């Protein structure tokens, strides 16, 4: 249970993002509800929110990966510098 709570607090899940997008799109396109019909509008909103949420999550995962890679590079660089200093002191 605690793992699930921490995961939802830091980054939203696909389902949460999709629901949020669907609510926003439905509100923005309320004028078209009568023209298209409620079912058609709901179907289209669902499809669009799926596409957008998938892309948003891909982008956020890519950002996390780049941050981790940058942190990893700085750690290895610092380690190499430390080793170089130790070798220099031994001589």
N, C-alpha and C. Protein backbone atom coordinates (compact mmCIF):
# COMPACT_ATOMS: atom_id res chain seq x y z
N UNK A 1 0.80 -1.19 0.00
CA UNK A 1 0.00 0.00 0.00
C UNK A 1 0.85 1.26 0.00
N UNK A 2 1.91 1.29 0.79
CA UNK A 2 2.72 2.49 0.88
C UNK A 2 3.42 2.79 -0.44
N UNK A 3 3.81 1.74 -1.18
CA UNK A 3 4.45 1.95 -2.47
C UNK A 3 3.49 2.59 -3.45
N UNK A 4 2.26 2.15 -3.41
CA UNK A 4 1.26 2.68 -4.33
C UNK A 4 0.98 4.15 -4.02
N UNK A 5 0.93 4.50 -2.76
CA UNK A 5 0.67 5.88 -2.38
C UNK A 5 1.81 6.80 -2.79
N UNK A 6 3.04 6.34 -2.66
CA UNK A 6 4.16 7.19 -3.04
C UNK A 6 4.25 7.34 -4.54
N UNK A 7 3.90 6.30 -5.29
CA UNK A 7 3.96 6.38 -6.74
C UNK A 7 2.93 7.37 -7.28
N UNK A 8 1.74 7.38 -6.73
CA UNK A 8 0.71 8.29 -7.21
C UNK A 8 0.99 9.72 -6.78
N UNK A 9 1.70 9.91 -5.68
CA UNK A 9 2.00 11.26 -5.21
C UNK A 9 3.05 11.95 -6.06
N UNK A 10 4.00 11.20 -6.60
CA UNK A 10 5.08 11.82 -7.34
C UNK A 10 4.74 12.02 -8.80
N UNK A 11 4.34 10.95 -9.49
CA UNK A 11 4.01 11.05 -10.90
C UNK A 11 2.63 10.47 -11.15
N UNK A 12 1.82 11.15 -11.94
CA UNK A 12 0.49 10.62 -12.22
C UNK A 12 0.56 9.41 -13.15
N UNK A 13 -0.39 8.50 -13.00
CA UNK A 13 -0.43 7.32 -13.84
C UNK A 13 -1.12 7.65 -15.15
N UNK A 14 -1.04 6.71 -16.09
CA UNK A 14 -1.69 6.92 -17.39
C UNK A 14 -3.17 7.19 -17.21
N UNK A 15 -3.78 6.41 -16.34
CA UNK A 15 -5.22 6.51 -16.13
C UNK A 15 -5.60 7.89 -15.58
N UNK A 16 -4.82 8.38 -14.63
CA UNK A 16 -5.09 9.69 -14.04
C UNK A 16 -4.94 10.80 -15.08
N UNK A 17 -3.90 10.70 -15.88
CA UNK A 17 -3.66 11.72 -16.91
C UNK A 17 -4.80 11.68 -17.93
N UNK A 18 -5.20 10.48 -18.32
CA UNK A 18 -6.29 10.33 -19.29
C UNK A 18 -7.58 10.93 -18.76
N UNK A 19 -7.92 10.65 -17.51
CA UNK A 19 -9.15 11.18 -16.92
C UNK A 19 -9.11 12.71 -16.87
N UNK A 20 -7.97 13.24 -16.47
CA UNK A 20 -7.82 14.69 -16.37
C UNK A 20 -7.98 15.35 -17.75
N UNK A 21 -7.33 14.75 -18.76
CA UNK A 21 -7.45 15.29 -20.11
C UNK A 21 -8.88 15.20 -20.63
N UNK A 22 -9.54 14.07 -20.35
CA UNK A 22 -10.91 13.89 -20.81
C UNK A 22 -11.84 14.94 -20.20
N UNK A 23 -11.65 15.22 -18.92
CA UNK A 23 -12.47 16.24 -18.26
C UNK A 23 -12.25 17.61 -18.89
N UNK A 24 -10.99 17.95 -19.14
CA UNK A 24 -10.68 19.25 -19.72
C UNK A 24 -11.23 19.37 -21.14
N UNK A 25 -11.05 18.31 -21.92
CA UNK A 25 -11.54 18.34 -23.31
C UNK A 25 -13.07 18.39 -23.36
N UNK A 26 -13.72 17.64 -22.49
CA UNK A 26 -15.18 17.64 -22.47
C UNK A 26 -15.70 19.03 -22.12
N UNK A 27 -15.05 19.68 -21.17
CA UNK A 27 -15.45 21.03 -20.81
C UNK A 27 -15.22 22.02 -21.93
N UNK A 28 -14.09 21.86 -22.63
CA UNK A 28 -13.76 22.79 -23.70
C UNK A 28 -14.65 22.59 -24.93
N UNK A 29 -15.09 21.36 -25.14
CA UNK A 29 -15.89 21.05 -26.33
C UNK A 29 -17.37 20.86 -26.00
N UNK A 30 -17.84 21.46 -24.94
CA UNK A 30 -19.22 21.30 -24.51
C UNK A 30 -20.20 21.81 -25.57
N UNK A 31 -19.82 22.81 -26.33
CA UNK A 31 -20.70 23.36 -27.36
C UNK A 31 -20.97 22.38 -28.50
N UNK A 32 -20.05 21.47 -28.72
CA UNK A 32 -20.20 20.51 -29.80
C UNK A 32 -20.97 19.26 -29.37
N UNK A 33 -21.32 19.18 -28.11
CA UNK A 33 -22.02 17.99 -27.60
C UNK A 33 -23.36 17.80 -28.30
N UNK A 34 -24.07 18.87 -28.53
CA UNK A 34 -25.39 18.77 -29.18
C UNK A 34 -25.25 18.43 -30.66
N UNK A 35 -24.24 18.96 -31.31
CA UNK A 35 -24.04 18.70 -32.74
C UNK A 35 -23.62 17.26 -33.00
N UNK A 36 -22.65 16.78 -32.26
CA UNK A 36 -22.12 15.43 -32.47
C UNK A 36 -22.93 14.36 -31.77
N UNK A 37 -23.49 14.70 -30.68
CA UNK A 37 -24.14 13.71 -29.84
C UNK A 37 -23.21 13.35 -28.70
N UNK A 38 -23.80 12.96 -27.60
CA UNK A 38 -23.02 12.72 -26.40
C UNK A 38 -22.08 11.52 -26.55
N UNK A 39 -22.56 10.45 -27.18
CA UNK A 39 -21.74 9.24 -27.32
C UNK A 39 -20.55 9.46 -28.25
N UNK A 40 -20.80 10.10 -29.40
CA UNK A 40 -19.72 10.34 -30.35
C UNK A 40 -18.65 11.25 -29.75
N UNK A 41 -19.10 12.28 -29.06
CA UNK A 41 -18.15 13.19 -28.45
C UNK A 41 -17.32 12.46 -27.39
N UNK A 42 -17.96 11.64 -26.59
CA UNK A 42 -17.25 10.89 -25.56
C UNK A 42 -16.23 9.95 -26.19
N UNK A 43 -16.59 9.31 -27.30
CA UNK A 43 -15.67 8.40 -27.98
C UNK A 43 -14.46 9.15 -28.51
N UNK A 44 -14.70 10.27 -29.15
CA UNK A 44 -13.59 11.05 -29.71
C UNK A 44 -12.69 11.62 -28.62
N UNK A 45 -13.30 12.08 -27.55
CA UNK A 45 -12.52 12.62 -26.43
C UNK A 45 -11.66 11.52 -25.82
N UNK A 46 -12.21 10.33 -25.71
CA UNK A 46 -11.47 9.19 -25.15
C UNK A 46 -10.25 8.87 -26.01
N UNK A 47 -10.44 8.84 -27.33
CA UNK A 47 -9.33 8.54 -28.24
C UNK A 47 -8.24 9.61 -28.15
N UNK A 48 -8.64 10.84 -28.17
CA UNK A 48 -7.68 11.94 -28.13
C UNK A 48 -6.93 11.95 -26.80
N UNK A 49 -7.64 11.75 -25.71
CA UNK A 49 -6.98 11.76 -24.41
C UNK A 49 -5.99 10.60 -24.28
N UNK A 50 -6.28 9.46 -24.89
CA UNK A 50 -5.35 8.33 -24.88
C UNK A 50 -4.06 8.71 -25.61
N UNK A 51 -4.21 9.30 -26.78
CA UNK A 51 -3.04 9.68 -27.57
C UNK A 51 -2.17 10.71 -26.85
N UNK A 52 -2.81 11.72 -26.33
CA UNK A 52 -2.07 12.79 -25.67
C UNK A 52 -1.40 12.29 -24.40
N UNK A 53 -2.11 11.49 -23.61
CA UNK A 53 -1.53 10.99 -22.36
C UNK A 53 -0.34 10.09 -22.63
N UNK A 54 -0.43 9.28 -23.68
CA UNK A 54 0.69 8.40 -24.03
C UNK A 54 1.93 9.23 -24.38
N UNK A 55 1.74 10.28 -25.16
CA UNK A 55 2.87 11.13 -25.54
C UNK A 55 3.44 11.89 -24.35
N UNK A 56 2.57 12.38 -23.47
CA UNK A 56 3.04 13.10 -22.29
C UNK A 56 3.86 12.21 -21.39
N UNK A 57 3.42 10.97 -21.21
CA UNK A 57 4.17 10.05 -20.35
C UNK A 57 5.50 9.66 -20.97
N UNK A 58 5.53 9.53 -22.30
CA UNK A 58 6.80 9.23 -22.98
C UNK A 58 7.80 10.36 -22.75
N UNK A 59 7.32 11.58 -22.86
CA UNK A 59 8.18 12.74 -22.68
C UNK A 59 8.70 12.81 -21.24
N UNK A 60 7.81 12.57 -20.27
CA UNK A 60 8.24 12.65 -18.87
C UNK A 60 9.23 11.53 -18.54
N UNK A 61 9.04 10.34 -19.10
CA UNK A 61 9.99 9.25 -18.87
C UNK A 61 11.34 9.57 -19.50
N UNK A 62 11.32 10.20 -20.67
CA UNK A 62 12.56 10.56 -21.34
C UNK A 62 13.32 11.60 -20.51
N UNK A 63 12.62 12.55 -19.93
CA UNK A 63 13.25 13.56 -19.09
C UNK A 63 13.88 12.91 -17.86
N UNK A 64 13.16 11.96 -17.26
CA UNK A 64 13.70 11.27 -16.08
C UNK A 64 14.96 10.50 -16.44
N UNK A 65 14.94 9.85 -17.60
CA UNK A 65 16.12 9.09 -18.04
C UNK A 65 17.32 10.01 -18.24
N UNK A 66 17.12 11.16 -18.86
CA UNK A 66 18.23 12.07 -19.10
C UNK A 66 18.77 12.62 -17.79
N UNK A 67 17.89 12.87 -16.82
CA UNK A 67 18.34 13.33 -15.51
C UNK A 67 19.18 12.27 -14.83
N UNK A 68 18.71 11.02 -14.90
CA UNK A 68 19.46 9.92 -14.27
C UNK A 68 20.80 9.74 -14.95
N UNK A 69 20.84 9.82 -16.27
CA UNK A 69 22.09 9.67 -17.00
C UNK A 69 23.07 10.79 -16.65
N UNK A 70 22.56 12.01 -16.54
CA UNK A 70 23.42 13.14 -16.19
C UNK A 70 23.98 12.96 -14.78
N UNK A 71 23.14 12.51 -13.87
CA UNK A 71 23.59 12.29 -12.50
C UNK A 71 24.63 11.18 -12.46
N UNK A 72 24.41 10.16 -13.24
CA UNK A 72 25.35 9.04 -13.29
C UNK A 72 26.71 9.49 -13.83
N UNK A 73 26.68 10.33 -14.86
CA UNK A 73 27.93 10.84 -15.44
C UNK A 73 28.71 11.67 -14.43
N UNK A 74 28.00 12.51 -13.68
CA UNK A 74 28.70 13.35 -12.70
C UNK A 74 29.29 12.50 -11.58
N UNK A 75 28.55 11.43 -11.19
CA UNK A 75 29.09 10.55 -10.16
C UNK A 75 30.35 9.84 -10.64
N UNK A 76 30.32 9.34 -11.87
CA UNK A 76 31.50 8.63 -12.38
C UNK A 76 32.67 9.59 -12.58
N UNK A 77 32.36 10.81 -12.98
CA UNK A 77 33.41 11.82 -13.18
C UNK A 77 34.06 12.17 -11.84
N UNK A 78 33.23 12.34 -10.82
CA UNK A 78 33.76 12.65 -9.49
C UNK A 78 34.59 11.49 -8.95
N UNK A 79 34.13 10.29 -9.20
CA UNK A 79 34.87 9.11 -8.76
C UNK A 79 36.23 9.03 -9.45
N UNK A 80 36.26 9.32 -10.74
CA UNK A 80 37.51 9.29 -11.49
C UNK A 80 38.49 10.34 -10.98
N UNK A 81 37.98 11.52 -10.68
CA UNK A 81 38.83 12.59 -10.14
C UNK A 81 39.39 12.20 -8.78
N UNK A 82 38.56 11.57 -7.97
CA UNK A 82 39.00 11.15 -6.64
C UNK A 82 40.09 10.09 -6.76
N UNK A 83 39.89 9.14 -7.66
CA UNK A 83 40.90 8.10 -7.89
C UNK A 83 42.21 8.69 -8.40
N UNK A 84 42.10 9.70 -9.26
CA UNK A 84 43.30 10.35 -9.79
C UNK A 84 44.07 11.05 -8.67
N UNK A 85 43.36 11.69 -7.75
CA UNK A 85 44.01 12.37 -6.63
C UNK A 85 44.72 11.35 -5.73
N UNK A 86 44.06 10.22 -5.49
CA UNK A 86 44.63 9.18 -4.63
C UNK A 86 45.90 8.63 -5.27
N UNK A 87 45.87 8.38 -6.56
CA UNK A 87 47.04 7.88 -7.29
C UNK A 87 48.18 8.90 -7.25
N UNK A 88 47.85 10.17 -7.40
CA UNK A 88 48.85 11.23 -7.37
C UNK A 88 49.50 11.34 -6.00
N UNK A 89 48.72 11.14 -4.95
CA UNK A 89 49.25 11.22 -3.59
C UNK A 89 50.18 10.05 -3.28
N UNK A 90 49.89 8.89 -3.85
CA UNK A 90 50.71 7.71 -3.62
C UNK A 90 52.10 7.86 -4.24
N UNK A 91 52.20 8.56 -5.32
CA UNK A 91 53.47 8.75 -6.02
C UNK A 91 54.28 9.71 -5.24
